Amino acid sequence: DAFWMQLGGNLAFALEVGGKIVGLLYWLDAEGLEREAAAA
């Protein structure tokens, strides 16, 4: 018995298996991250 619950309006989901949340899945859009500054 498993199902997903969306967390708010974001691309973040909790997976419930056997009545317990076992983890979270989320989409990370890294396009806007400042890679040059981070590399420095």
Full PDB file with SEQRES, HELIX, SHEET, SSBOND, CRYST1, ORIGX, SCALE, CONECT and MASTER records, all heavy atoms in Angstrom:
SEQRES   1 A   40  ASP ALA PHE TRP MET GLN LEU GLY GLY ASN LEU ALA PHE          
SEQRES   2 A   40  ALA LEU GLU VAL GLY GLY LYS ILE VAL GLY LEU LEU TYR          
SEQRES   3 A   40  TRP LEU ASP ALA GLU GLY LEU GLU ARG GLU ALA ALA ALA          
SEQRES   4 A   40  ALA                                                          
HELIX    1 AA1 ARG A   35  ALA A   39  1                                   5    
SHEET    1 AA1 3 ALA A   2  GLN A   6  0                                        
SHEET    2 AA1 3 ALA A  12  VAL A  17 -1                                        
SHEET    3 AA1 3 LYS A  20  TYR A  26 -1                                        
CRYST1    1.000    1.000    1.000  90.00  90.00  90.00 P 1           1          
ORIGX1      1.000000  0.000000  0.000000        0.00000                         
ORIGX2      0.000000  1.000000  0.000000        0.00000                         
ORIGX3      0.000000  0.000000  1.000000        0.00000                         
SCALE1      1.000000  0.000000  0.000000        0.00000                         
SCALE2      0.000000  1.000000  0.000000        0.00000                         
SCALE3      0.000000  0.000000  1.000000        0.00000                         
ATOM      1  N   ASP A   1       0.859  -1.182   0.000  1.00  0.00           N  
ATOM      2  CA  ASP A   1       0.000   0.000   0.000  1.00  0.00           C  
ATOM      3  C   ASP A   1       0.897   1.234   0.000  1.00  0.00           C  
ATOM      4  O   ASP A   1       1.550   1.525   1.002  1.00  0.00           O  
ATOM      5  CB  ASP A   1      -0.892  -0.030   1.243  1.00  0.00           C  
ATOM      6  CG  ASP A   1      -1.868   1.135   1.289  1.00  0.00           C  
ATOM      7  OD1 ASP A   1      -2.223   1.645   0.207  1.00  0.00           O  
ATOM      8  OD2 ASP A   1      -2.260   1.523   2.395  1.00  0.00           O  
ATOM      9  N   ALA A   2       0.983   1.929  -1.139  1.00  0.00           N  
ATOM     10  CA  ALA A   2       1.859   3.093  -1.264  1.00  0.00           C  
ATOM     11  C   ALA A   2       1.160   4.179  -2.066  1.00  0.00           C  
ATOM     12  O   ALA A   2       0.428   3.892  -3.004  1.00  0.00           O  
ATOM     13  CB  ALA A   2       3.158   2.700  -1.954  1.00  0.00           C  
ATOM     14  N   PHE A   3       1.394   5.431  -1.665  1.00  0.00           N  
ATOM     15  CA  PHE A   3       0.879   6.538  -2.463  1.00  0.00           C  
ATOM     16  C   PHE A   3       1.695   7.799  -2.207  1.00  0.00           C  
ATOM     17  O   PHE A   3       2.399   7.923  -1.214  1.00  0.00           O  
ATOM     18  CB  PHE A   3      -0.614   6.774  -2.223  1.00  0.00           C  
ATOM     19  CG  PHE A   3      -0.968   7.266  -0.848  1.00  0.00           C  
ATOM     20  CD1 PHE A   3      -1.084   8.615  -0.585  1.00  0.00           C  
ATOM     21  CD2 PHE A   3      -1.205   6.371   0.188  1.00  0.00           C  
ATOM     22  CE1 PHE A   3      -1.418   9.065   0.676  1.00  0.00           C  
ATOM     23  CE2 PHE A   3      -1.546   6.817   1.454  1.00  0.00           C  
ATOM     24  CZ  PHE A   3      -1.647   8.167   1.697  1.00  0.00           C  
ATOM     25  N   TRP A   4       1.599   8.729  -3.152  1.00  0.00           N  
ATOM     26  CA  TRP A   4       2.302  10.010  -3.093  1.00  0.00           C  
ATOM     27  C   TRP A   4       1.365  11.098  -2.594  1.00  0.00           C  
ATOM     28  O   TRP A   4       0.194  11.099  -2.927  1.00  0.00           O  
ATOM     29  CB  TRP A   4       2.794  10.408  -4.487  1.00  0.00           C  
ATOM     30  CG  TRP A   4       3.925   9.602  -4.994  1.00  0.00           C  
ATOM     31  CD1 TRP A   4       3.854   8.584  -5.908  1.00  0.00           C  
ATOM     32  CD2 TRP A   4       5.296   9.723  -4.654  1.00  0.00           C  
ATOM     33  NE1 TRP A   4       5.103   8.082  -6.146  1.00  0.00           N  
ATOM     34  CE2 TRP A   4       6.014   8.769  -5.388  1.00  0.00           C  
ATOM     35  CE3 TRP A   4       6.002  10.559  -3.787  1.00  0.00           C  
ATOM     36  CZ2 TRP A   4       7.382   8.613  -5.298  1.00  0.00           C  
ATOM     37  CZ3 TRP A   4       7.373  10.409  -3.693  1.00  0.00           C  
ATOM     38  CH2 TRP A   4       8.050   9.455  -4.432  1.00  0.00           C  
ATOM     39  N   MET A   5       1.914  12.044  -1.839  1.00  0.00           N  
ATOM     40  CA  MET A   5       1.199  13.253  -1.425  1.00  0.00           C  
ATOM     41  C   MET A   5       2.018  14.446  -1.890  1.00  0.00           C  
ATOM     42  O   MET A   5       3.212  14.538  -1.561  1.00  0.00           O  
ATOM     43  CB  MET A   5       1.081  13.315   0.103  1.00  0.00           C  
ATOM     44  CG  MET A   5       0.273  12.207   0.709  1.00  0.00           C  
ATOM     45  SD  MET A   5       0.350  12.261   2.513  1.00  0.00           S  
ATOM     46  CE  MET A   5       1.966  11.531   2.771  1.00  0.00           C  
ATOM     47  N   GLN A   6       1.398  15.339  -2.659  1.00  0.00           N  
ATOM     48  CA  GLN A   6       2.114  16.543  -3.070  1.00  0.00           C  
ATOM     49  C   GLN A   6       2.154  17.515  -1.910  1.00  0.00           C  
ATOM     50  O   GLN A   6       1.168  17.701  -1.196  1.00  0.00           O  
ATOM     51  CB  GLN A   6       1.446  17.201  -4.280  1.00  0.00           C  
ATOM     52  CG  GLN A   6       2.265  18.352  -4.820  1.00  0.00           C  
ATOM     53  CD  GLN A   6       1.797  18.848  -6.169  1.00  0.00           C  
ATOM     54  OE1 GLN A   6       0.771  18.412  -6.676  1.00  0.00           O  
ATOM     55  NE2 GLN A   6       2.557  19.751  -6.747  1.00  0.00           N  
ATOM     56  N   LEU A   7       3.305  18.129  -1.715  1.00  0.00           N  
ATOM     57  CA  LEU A   7       3.501  19.066  -0.618  1.00  0.00           C  
ATOM     58  C   LEU A   7       3.337  20.482  -1.146  1.00  0.00           C  
ATOM     59  O   LEU A   7       4.219  21.016  -1.809  1.00  0.00           O  
ATOM     60  CB  LEU A   7       4.891  18.868   0.006  1.00  0.00           C  
ATOM     61  CG  LEU A   7       5.185  17.436   0.453  1.00  0.00           C  
ATOM     62  CD1 LEU A   7       6.617  17.316   0.928  1.00  0.00           C  
ATOM     63  CD2 LEU A   7       4.215  17.001   1.536  1.00  0.00           C  
ATOM     64  N   GLY A   8       2.197  21.082  -0.892  1.00  0.00           N  
ATOM     65  CA  GLY A   8       1.919  22.428  -1.390  1.00  0.00           C  
ATOM     66  C   GLY A   8       1.791  22.416  -2.904  1.00  0.00           C  
ATOM     67  O   GLY A   8       1.448  21.420  -3.511  1.00  0.00           O  
ATOM     68  N   GLY A   9       2.095  23.537  -3.512  1.00  0.00           N  
ATOM     69  CA  GLY A   9       1.998  23.653  -4.959  1.00  0.00           C  
ATOM     70  C   GLY A   9       3.322  23.428  -5.653  1.00  0.00           C  
ATOM     71  O   GLY A   9       3.453  23.671  -6.842  1.00  0.00           O  
ATOM     72  N   ASN A  10       4.316  22.965  -4.914  1.00  0.00           N  
ATOM     73  CA  ASN A  10       5.651  22.763  -5.464  1.00  0.00           C  
ATOM     74  C   ASN A  10       5.823  21.350  -6.001  1.00  0.00           C  
ATOM     75  O   ASN A  10       5.009  20.475  -5.744  1.00  0.00           O  
ATOM     76  CB  ASN A  10       6.697  23.012  -4.370  1.00  0.00           C  
ATOM     77  CG  ASN A  10       6.588  24.408  -3.817  1.00  0.00           C  
ATOM     78  OD1 ASN A  10       6.580  25.370  -4.554  1.00  0.00           O  
ATOM     79  ND2 ASN A  10       6.484  24.512  -2.513  1.00  0.00           N  
ATOM     80  N   LEU A  11       6.901  21.142  -6.717  1.00  0.00           N  
ATOM     81  CA  LEU A  11       7.228  19.804  -7.195  1.00  0.00           C  
ATOM     82  C   LEU A  11       7.980  19.065  -6.096  1.00  0.00           C  
ATOM     83  O   LEU A  11       9.159  18.738  -6.208  1.00  0.00           O  
ATOM     84  CB  LEU A  11       8.055  19.882  -8.478  1.00  0.00           C  
ATOM     85  CG  LEU A  11       7.277  20.378  -9.694  1.00  0.00           C  
ATOM     86  CD1 LEU A  11       8.203  20.578 -10.881  1.00  0.00           C  
ATOM     87  CD2 LEU A  11       6.165  19.416 -10.049  1.00  0.00           C  
ATOM     88  N   ALA A  12       7.271  18.841  -5.001  1.00  0.00           N  
ATOM     89  CA  ALA A  12       7.797  18.108  -3.850  1.00  0.00           C  
ATOM     90  C   ALA A  12       6.710  17.159  -3.379  1.00  0.00           C  
ATOM     91  O   ALA A  12       5.549  17.543  -3.252  1.00  0.00           O  
ATOM     92  CB  ALA A  12       8.185  19.078  -2.735  1.00  0.00           C  
ATOM     93  N   PHE A  13       7.106  15.907  -3.147  1.00  0.00           N  
ATOM     94  CA  PHE A  13       6.144  14.858  -2.845  1.00  0.00           C  
ATOM     95  C   PHE A  13       6.660  13.986  -1.709  1.00  0.00           C  
ATOM     96  O   PHE A  13       7.854  13.703  -1.636  1.00  0.00           O  
ATOM     97  CB  PHE A  13       5.925  13.965  -4.074  1.00  0.00           C  
ATOM     98  CG  PHE A  13       5.526  14.724  -5.306  1.00  0.00           C  
ATOM     99  CD1 PHE A  13       6.481  15.272  -6.140  1.00  0.00           C  
ATOM    100  CD2 PHE A  13       4.192  14.896  -5.621  1.00  0.00           C  
ATOM    101  CE1 PHE A  13       6.119  15.981  -7.283  1.00  0.00           C  
ATOM    102  CE2 PHE A  13       3.818  15.597  -6.755  1.00  0.00           C  
ATOM    103  CZ  PHE A  13       4.781  16.144  -7.586  1.00  0.00           C  
ATOM    104  N   ALA A  14       5.756  13.540  -0.847  1.00  0.00           N  
ATOM    105  CA  ALA A  14       6.092  12.586   0.206  1.00  0.00           C  
ATOM    106  C   ALA A  14       5.546  11.234  -0.225  1.00  0.00           C  
ATOM    107  O   ALA A  14       4.415  11.137  -0.695  1.00  0.00           O  
ATOM    108  CB  ALA A  14       5.471  13.008   1.531  1.00  0.00           C  
ATOM    109  N   LEU A  15       6.355  10.189  -0.061  1.00  0.00           N  
ATOM    110  CA  LEU A  15       5.916   8.833  -0.384  1.00  0.00           C  
ATOM    111  C   LEU A  15       5.543   8.121   0.903  1.00  0.00           C  
ATOM    112  O   LEU A  15       6.359   8.002   1.815  1.00  0.00           O  
ATOM    113  CB  LEU A  15       7.020   8.048  -1.097  1.00  0.00           C  
ATOM    114  CG  LEU A  15       6.683   6.592  -1.456  1.00  0.00           C  
ATOM    115  CD1 LEU A  15       5.478   6.515  -2.391  1.00  0.00           C  
ATOM    116  CD2 LEU A  15       7.895   5.908  -2.067  1.00  0.00           C  
ATOM    117  N   GLU A  16       4.285   7.680   0.958  1.00  0.00           N  
ATOM    118  CA  GLU A  16       3.804   6.919   2.105  1.00  0.00           C  
ATOM    119  C   GLU A  16       3.701   5.458   1.701  1.00  0.00           C  
ATOM    120  O   GLU A  16       3.091   5.120   0.685  1.00  0.00           O  
ATOM    121  CB  GLU A  16       2.435   7.429   2.557  1.00  0.00           C  
ATOM    122  CG  GLU A  16       1.918   6.723   3.786  1.00  0.00           C  
ATOM    123  CD  GLU A  16       0.591   7.284   4.259  1.00  0.00           C  
ATOM    124  OE1 GLU A  16       0.469   8.508   4.409  1.00  0.00           O  
ATOM    125  OE2 GLU A  16      -0.328   6.463   4.462  1.00  0.00           O  
ATOM    126  N   VAL A  17       4.308   4.590   2.494  1.00  0.00           N  
ATOM    127  CA  VAL A  17       4.276   3.154   2.251  1.00  0.00           C  
ATOM    128  C   VAL A  17       3.831   2.476   3.538  1.00  0.00           C  
ATOM    129  O   VAL A  17       4.450   2.673   4.588  1.00  0.00           O  
ATOM    130  CB  VAL A  17       5.655   2.615   1.821  1.00  0.00           C  
ATOM    131  CG1 VAL A  17       5.597   1.108   1.620  1.00  0.00           C  
ATOM    132  CG2 VAL A  17       6.139   3.299   0.555  1.00  0.00           C  
ATOM    133  N   GLY A  18       2.771   1.707   3.465  1.00  0.00           N  
ATOM    134  CA  GLY A  18       2.289   0.998   4.639  1.00  0.00           C  
ATOM    135  C   GLY A  18       1.923   1.907   5.793  1.00  0.00           C  
ATOM    136  O   GLY A  18       2.112   1.561   6.958  1.00  0.00           O  
ATOM    137  N   GLY A  19       1.413   3.093   5.491  1.00  0.00           N  
ATOM    138  CA  GLY A  19       0.972   4.018   6.531  1.00  0.00           C  
ATOM    139  C   GLY A  19       2.061   4.904   7.111  1.00  0.00           C  
ATOM    140  O   GLY A  19       1.795   5.692   8.016  1.00  0.00           O  
ATOM    141  N   LYS A  20       3.293   4.831   6.579  1.00  0.00           N  
ATOM    142  CA  LYS A  20       4.390   5.660   7.081  1.00  0.00           C  
ATOM    143  C   LYS A  20       5.058   6.400   5.930  1.00  0.00           C  
ATOM    144  O   LYS A  20       5.266   5.829   4.858  1.00  0.00           O  
ATOM    145  CB  LYS A  20       5.449   4.802   7.775  1.00  0.00           C  
ATOM    146  CG  LYS A  20       4.961   4.131   9.019  1.00  0.00           C  
ATOM    147  CD  LYS A  20       6.074   3.330   9.650  1.00  0.00           C  
ATOM    148  CE  LYS A  20       5.543   2.626  10.889  1.00  0.00           C  
ATOM    149  NZ  LYS A  20       6.561   1.812  11.524  1.00  0.00           N  
ATOM    150  N   ILE A  21       5.402   7.650   6.162  1.00  0.00           N  
ATOM    151  CA  ILE A  21       6.163   8.400   5.164  1.00  0.00           C  
ATOM    152  C   ILE A  21       7.592   7.877   5.195  1.00  0.00           C  
ATOM    153  O   ILE A  21       8.231   7.852   6.243  1.00  0.00           O  
ATOM    154  CB  ILE A  21       6.108   9.911   5.426  1.00  0.00           C  
ATOM    155  CG1 ILE A  21       4.675  10.404   5.217  1.00  0.00           C  
ATOM    156  CG2 ILE A  21       7.085  10.647   4.515  1.00  0.00           C  
ATOM    157  CD1 ILE A  21       4.454  11.862   5.535  1.00  0.00           C  
ATOM    158  N   VAL A  22       8.067   7.437   4.031  1.00  0.00           N  
ATOM    159  CA  VAL A  22       9.406   6.855   3.952  1.00  0.00           C  
ATOM    160  C   VAL A  22      10.422   7.783   3.303  1.00  0.00           C  
ATOM    161  O   VAL A  22      11.625   7.552   3.401  1.00  0.00           O  
ATOM    162  CB  VAL A  22       9.389   5.499   3.220  1.00  0.00           C  
ATOM    163  CG1 VAL A  22       8.549   4.488   3.988  1.00  0.00           C  
ATOM    164  CG2 VAL A  22       8.898   5.644   1.796  1.00  0.00           C  
ATOM    165  N   GLY A  23       9.951   8.843   2.646  1.00  0.00           N  
ATOM    166  CA  GLY A  23      10.889   9.762   2.025  1.00  0.00           C  
ATOM    167  C   GLY A  23      10.195  10.838   1.225  1.00  0.00           C  
ATOM    168  O   GLY A  23       8.970  10.860   1.104  1.00  0.00           O  
ATOM    169  N   LEU A  24      11.026  11.726   0.691  1.00  0.00           N  
ATOM    170  CA  LEU A  24      10.560  12.860  -0.095  1.00  0.00           C  
ATOM    171  C   LEU A  24      11.242  12.869  -1.452  1.00  0.00           C  
ATOM    172  O   LEU A  24      12.432  12.567  -1.560  1.00  0.00           O  
ATOM    173  CB  LEU A  24      10.875  14.175   0.613  1.00  0.00           C  
ATOM    174  CG  LEU A  24      10.321  14.334   2.015  1.00  0.00           C  
ATOM    175  CD1 LEU A  24      10.876  15.601   2.651  1.00  0.00           C  
ATOM    176  CD2 LEU A  24       8.814  14.361   2.002  1.00  0.00           C  
ATOM    177  N   LEU A  25      10.481  13.220  -2.464  1.00  0.00           N  
ATOM    178  CA  LEU A  25      11.006  13.400  -3.810  1.00  0.00           C  
ATOM    179  C   LEU A  25      10.753  14.844  -4.195  1.00  0.00           C  
ATOM    180  O   LEU A  25       9.660  15.362  -3.979  1.00  0.00           O  
ATOM    181  CB  LEU A  25      10.282  12.472  -4.795  1.00  0.00           C  
ATOM    182  CG  LEU A  25      10.693  12.601  -6.262  1.00  0.00           C  
ATOM    183  CD1 LEU A  25      12.102  12.061  -6.477  1.00  0.00           C  
ATOM    184  CD2 LEU A  25       9.700  11.878  -7.161  1.00  0.00           C  
ATOM    185  N   TYR A  26      11.773  15.500  -4.740  1.00  0.00           N  
ATOM    186  CA  TYR A  26      11.581  16.888  -5.160  1.00  0.00           C  
ATOM    187  C   TYR A  26      12.364  17.156  -6.428  1.00  0.00           C  
ATOM    188  O   TYR A  26      13.350  16.491  -6.734  1.00  0.00           O  
ATOM    189  CB  TYR A  26      11.991  17.872  -4.058  1.00  0.00           C  
ATOM    190  CG  TYR A  26      13.443  17.792  -3.655  1.00  0.00           C  
ATOM    191  CD1 TYR A  26      14.400  18.610  -4.247  1.00  0.00           C  
ATOM    192  CD2 TYR A  26      13.868  16.900  -2.670  1.00  0.00           C  
ATOM    193  CE1 TYR A  26      15.732  18.540  -3.878  1.00  0.00           C  
ATOM    194  CE2 TYR A  26      15.186  16.823  -2.293  1.00  0.00           C  
ATOM    195  CZ  TYR A  26      16.122  17.649  -2.900  1.00  0.00           C  
ATOM    196  OH  TYR A  26      17.455  17.563  -2.543  1.00  0.00           O  
ATOM    197  N   TRP A  27      11.876  18.154  -7.182  1.00  0.00           N  
ATOM    198  CA  TRP A  27      12.541  18.606  -8.397  1.00  0.00           C  
ATOM    199  C   TRP A  27      13.381  19.818  -8.035  1.00  0.00           C  
ATOM    200  O   TRP A  27      12.893  20.774  -7.430  1.00  0.00           O  
ATOM    201  CB  TRP A  27      11.532  18.980  -9.471  1.00  0.00           C  
ATOM    202  CG  TRP A  27      12.168  19.657 -10.645  1.00  0.00           C  
ATOM    203  CD1 TRP A  27      12.157  20.985 -10.927  1.00  0.00           C  
ATOM    204  CD2 TRP A  27      12.951  19.030 -11.660  1.00  0.00           C  
ATOM    205  NE1 TRP A  27      12.881  21.226 -12.070  1.00  0.00           N  
ATOM    206  CE2 TRP A  27      13.379  20.043 -12.536  1.00  0.00           C  
ATOM    207  CE3 TRP A  27      13.340  17.716 -11.918  1.00  0.00           C  
ATOM    208  CZ2 TRP A  27      14.164  19.773 -13.656  1.00  0.00           C  
ATOM    209  CZ3 TRP A  27      14.115  17.454 -13.032  1.00  0.00           C  
ATOM    210  CH2 TRP A  27      14.510  18.474 -13.887  1.00  0.00           C  
ATOM    211  N   LEU A  28      14.653  19.777  -8.398  1.00  0.00           N  
ATOM    212  CA  LEU A  28      15.548  20.910  -8.176  1.00  0.00           C  
ATOM    213  C   LEU A  28      15.890  21.517  -9.527  1.00  0.00           C  
ATOM    214  O   LEU A  28      16.451  20.836 -10.392  1.00  0.00           O  
ATOM    215  CB  LEU A  28      16.835  20.465  -7.471  1.00  0.00           C  
ATOM    216  CG  LEU A  28      17.898  21.554  -7.335  1.00  0.00           C  
ATOM    217  CD1 LEU A  28      17.431  22.637  -6.364  1.00  0.00           C  
ATOM    218  CD2 LEU A  28      19.210  20.966  -6.893  1.00  0.00           C  
ATOM    219  N   ASP A  29      15.529  22.776  -9.714  1.00  0.00           N  
ATOM    220  CA  ASP A  29      15.879  23.495 -10.933  1.00  0.00           C  
ATOM    221  C   ASP A  29      17.119  24.317 -10.615  1.00  0.00           C  
ATOM    222  O   ASP A  29      17.033  25.359  -9.979  1.00  0.00           O  
ATOM    223  CB  ASP A  29      14.727  24.393 -11.376  1.00  0.00           C  
ATOM    224  CG  ASP A  29      14.991  25.086 -12.689  1.00  0.00           C  
ATOM    225  OD1 ASP A  29      16.098  24.911 -13.259  1.00  0.00           O  
ATOM    226  OD2 ASP A  29      14.105  25.804 -13.164  1.00  0.00           O  
ATOM    227  N   ALA A  30      18.266  23.834 -11.037  1.00  0.00           N  
ATOM    228  CA  ALA A  30      19.541  24.464 -10.693  1.00  0.00           C  
ATOM    229  C   ALA A  30      19.988  25.504 -11.715  1.00  0.00           C  
ATOM    230  O   ALA A  30      21.078  26.052 -11.590  1.00  0.00           O  
ATOM    231  CB  ALA A  30      20.615  23.390 -10.540  1.00  0.00           C  
ATOM    232  N   GLU A  31      19.147  25.791 -12.693  1.00  0.00           N  
ATOM    233  CA  GLU A  31      19.537  26.725 -13.746  1.00  0.00           C  
ATOM    234  C   GLU A  31      19.881  28.116 -13.218  1.00  0.00           C  
ATOM    235  O   GLU A  31      20.764  28.775 -13.724  1.00  0.00           O  
ATOM    236  CB  GLU A  31      18.442  26.824 -14.804  1.00  0.00           C  
ATOM    237  CG  GLU A  31      18.195  25.535 -15.550  1.00  0.00           C  
ATOM    238  CD  GLU A  31      19.438  24.981 -16.224  1.00  0.00           C  
ATOM    239  OE1 GLU A  31      20.166  25.740 -16.878  1.00  0.00           O  
ATOM    240  OE2 GLU A  31      19.686  23.769 -16.078  1.00  0.00           O  
ATOM    241  N   GLY A  32      19.180  28.579 -12.201  1.00  0.00           N  
ATOM    242  CA  GLY A  32      19.407  29.927 -11.694  1.00  0.00           C  
ATOM    243  C   GLY A  32      20.513  30.033 -10.653  1.00  0.00           C  
ATOM    244  O   GLY A  32      20.815  31.129 -10.185  1.00  0.00           O  
ATOM    245  N   LEU A  33      21.125  28.915 -10.297  1.00  0.00           N  
ATOM    246  CA  LEU A  33      22.174  28.955  -9.279  1.00  0.00           C  
ATOM    247  C   LEU A  33      23.448  29.565  -9.850  1.00  0.00           C  
ATOM    248  O   LEU A  33      23.793  29.354 -11.008  1.00  0.00           O  
ATOM    249  CB  LEU A  33      22.452  27.546  -8.749  1.00  0.00           C  
ATOM    250  CG  LEU A  33      21.257  26.850  -8.100  1.00  0.00           C  
ATOM    251  CD1 LEU A  33      21.652  25.443  -7.683  1.00  0.00           C  
ATOM    252  CD2 LEU A  33      20.742  27.625  -6.909  1.00  0.00           C  
ATOM    253  N   GLU A  34      24.135  30.299  -9.053  1.00  0.00           N  
ATOM    254  CA  GLU A  34      25.348  30.993  -9.498  1.00  0.00           C  
ATOM    255  C   GLU A  34      26.537  30.048  -9.443  1.00  0.00           C  
ATOM    256  O   GLU A  34      27.272  29.990  -8.466  1.00  0.00           O  
ATOM    257  CB  GLU A  34      25.564  32.233  -8.642  1.00  0.00           C  
ATOM    258  CG  GLU A  34      24.440  33.243  -8.781  1.00  0.00           C  
ATOM    259  CD  GLU A  34      24.660  34.483  -7.944  1.00  0.00           C  
ATOM    260  OE1 GLU A  34      25.798  34.732  -7.514  1.00  0.00           O  
ATOM    261  OE2 GLU A  34      23.674  35.191  -7.725  1.00  0.00           O  
ATOM    262  N   ARG A  35      26.763  29.337 -10.533  1.00  0.00           N  
ATOM    263  CA  ARG A  35      27.799  28.315 -10.592  1.00  0.00           C  
ATOM    264  C   ARG A  35      29.204  28.899 -10.512  1.00  0.00           C  
ATOM    265  O   ARG A  35      30.069  28.318  -9.876  1.00  0.00           O  
ATOM    266  CB  ARG A  35      27.644  27.475 -11.848  1.00  0.00           C  
ATOM    267  CG  ARG A  35      26.348  26.679 -11.813  1.00  0.00           C  
ATOM    268  CD  ARG A  35      26.336  25.538 -12.802  1.00  0.00           C  
ATOM    269  NE  ARG A  35      25.099  24.803 -12.660  1.00  0.00           N  
ATOM    270  CZ  ARG A  35      24.885  23.862 -11.765  1.00  0.00           C  
ATOM    271  NH1 ARG A  35      25.831  23.530 -10.927  1.00  0.00           N  
ATOM    272  NH2 ARG A  35      23.728  23.240 -11.686  1.00  0.00           N  
ATOM    273  N   GLU A  36      29.442  30.019 -11.157  1.00  0.00           N  
ATOM    274  CA  GLU A  36      30.781  30.606 -11.141  1.00  0.00           C  
ATOM    275  C   GLU A  36      31.176  31.035  -9.732  1.00  0.00           C  
ATOM    276  O   GLU A  36      32.292  30.785  -9.289  1.00  0.00           O  
ATOM    277  CB  GLU A  36      30.864  31.785 -12.113  1.00  0.00           C  
ATOM    278  CG  GLU A  36      30.762  31.361 -13.565  1.00  0.00           C  
ATOM    279  CD  GLU A  36      30.767  32.548 -14.511  1.00  0.00           C  
ATOM    280  OE1 GLU A  36      31.218  33.636 -14.119  1.00  0.00           O  
ATOM    281  OE2 GLU A  36      30.325  32.355 -15.654  1.00  0.00           O  
ATOM    282  N   ALA A  37      30.263  31.660  -9.024  1.00  0.00           N  
ATOM    283  CA  ALA A  37      30.554  32.097  -7.661  1.00  0.00           C  
ATOM    284  C   ALA A  37      30.773  30.891  -6.751  1.00  0.00           C  
ATOM    285  O   ALA A  37      31.673  30.888  -5.907  1.00  0.00           O  
ATOM    286  CB  ALA A  37      29.416  32.961  -7.121  1.00  0.00           C  
ATOM    287  N   ALA A  38      29.977  29.862  -6.933  1.00  0.00           N  
ATOM    288  CA  ALA A  38      30.115  28.662  -6.115  1.00  0.00           C  
ATOM    289  C   ALA A  38      31.440  27.964  -6.400  1.00  0.00           C  
ATOM    290  O   ALA A  38      32.118  27.495  -5.480  1.00  0.00           O  
ATOM    291  CB  ALA A  38      28.953  27.712  -6.366  1.00  0.00           C  
ATOM    292  N   ALA A  39      31.825  27.905  -7.673  1.00  0.00           N  
ATOM    293  CA  ALA A  39      33.093  27.270  -8.038  1.00  0.00           C  
ATOM    294  C   ALA A  39      34.263  28.028  -7.426  1.00  0.00           C  
ATOM    295  O   ALA A  39      35.234  27.426  -6.967  1.00  0.00           O  
ATOM    296  CB  ALA A  39      33.229  27.197  -9.551  1.00  0.00           C  
ATOM    297  N   ALA A  40      34.179  29.358  -7.416  1.00  0.00           N  
ATOM    298  CA  ALA A  40      35.243  30.165  -6.818  1.00  0.00           C  
ATOM    299  C   ALA A  40      35.372  29.894  -5.321  1.00  0.00           C  
ATOM    300  O   ALA A  40      36.456  29.986  -4.757  1.00  0.00           O  
ATOM    301  CB  ALA A  40      34.983  31.648  -7.068  1.00  0.00           C  
TER     302      ALA A  40                                                      
MASTER        0    0    0    1    3    0    0    6  301    1    0    4          
END                                                                             
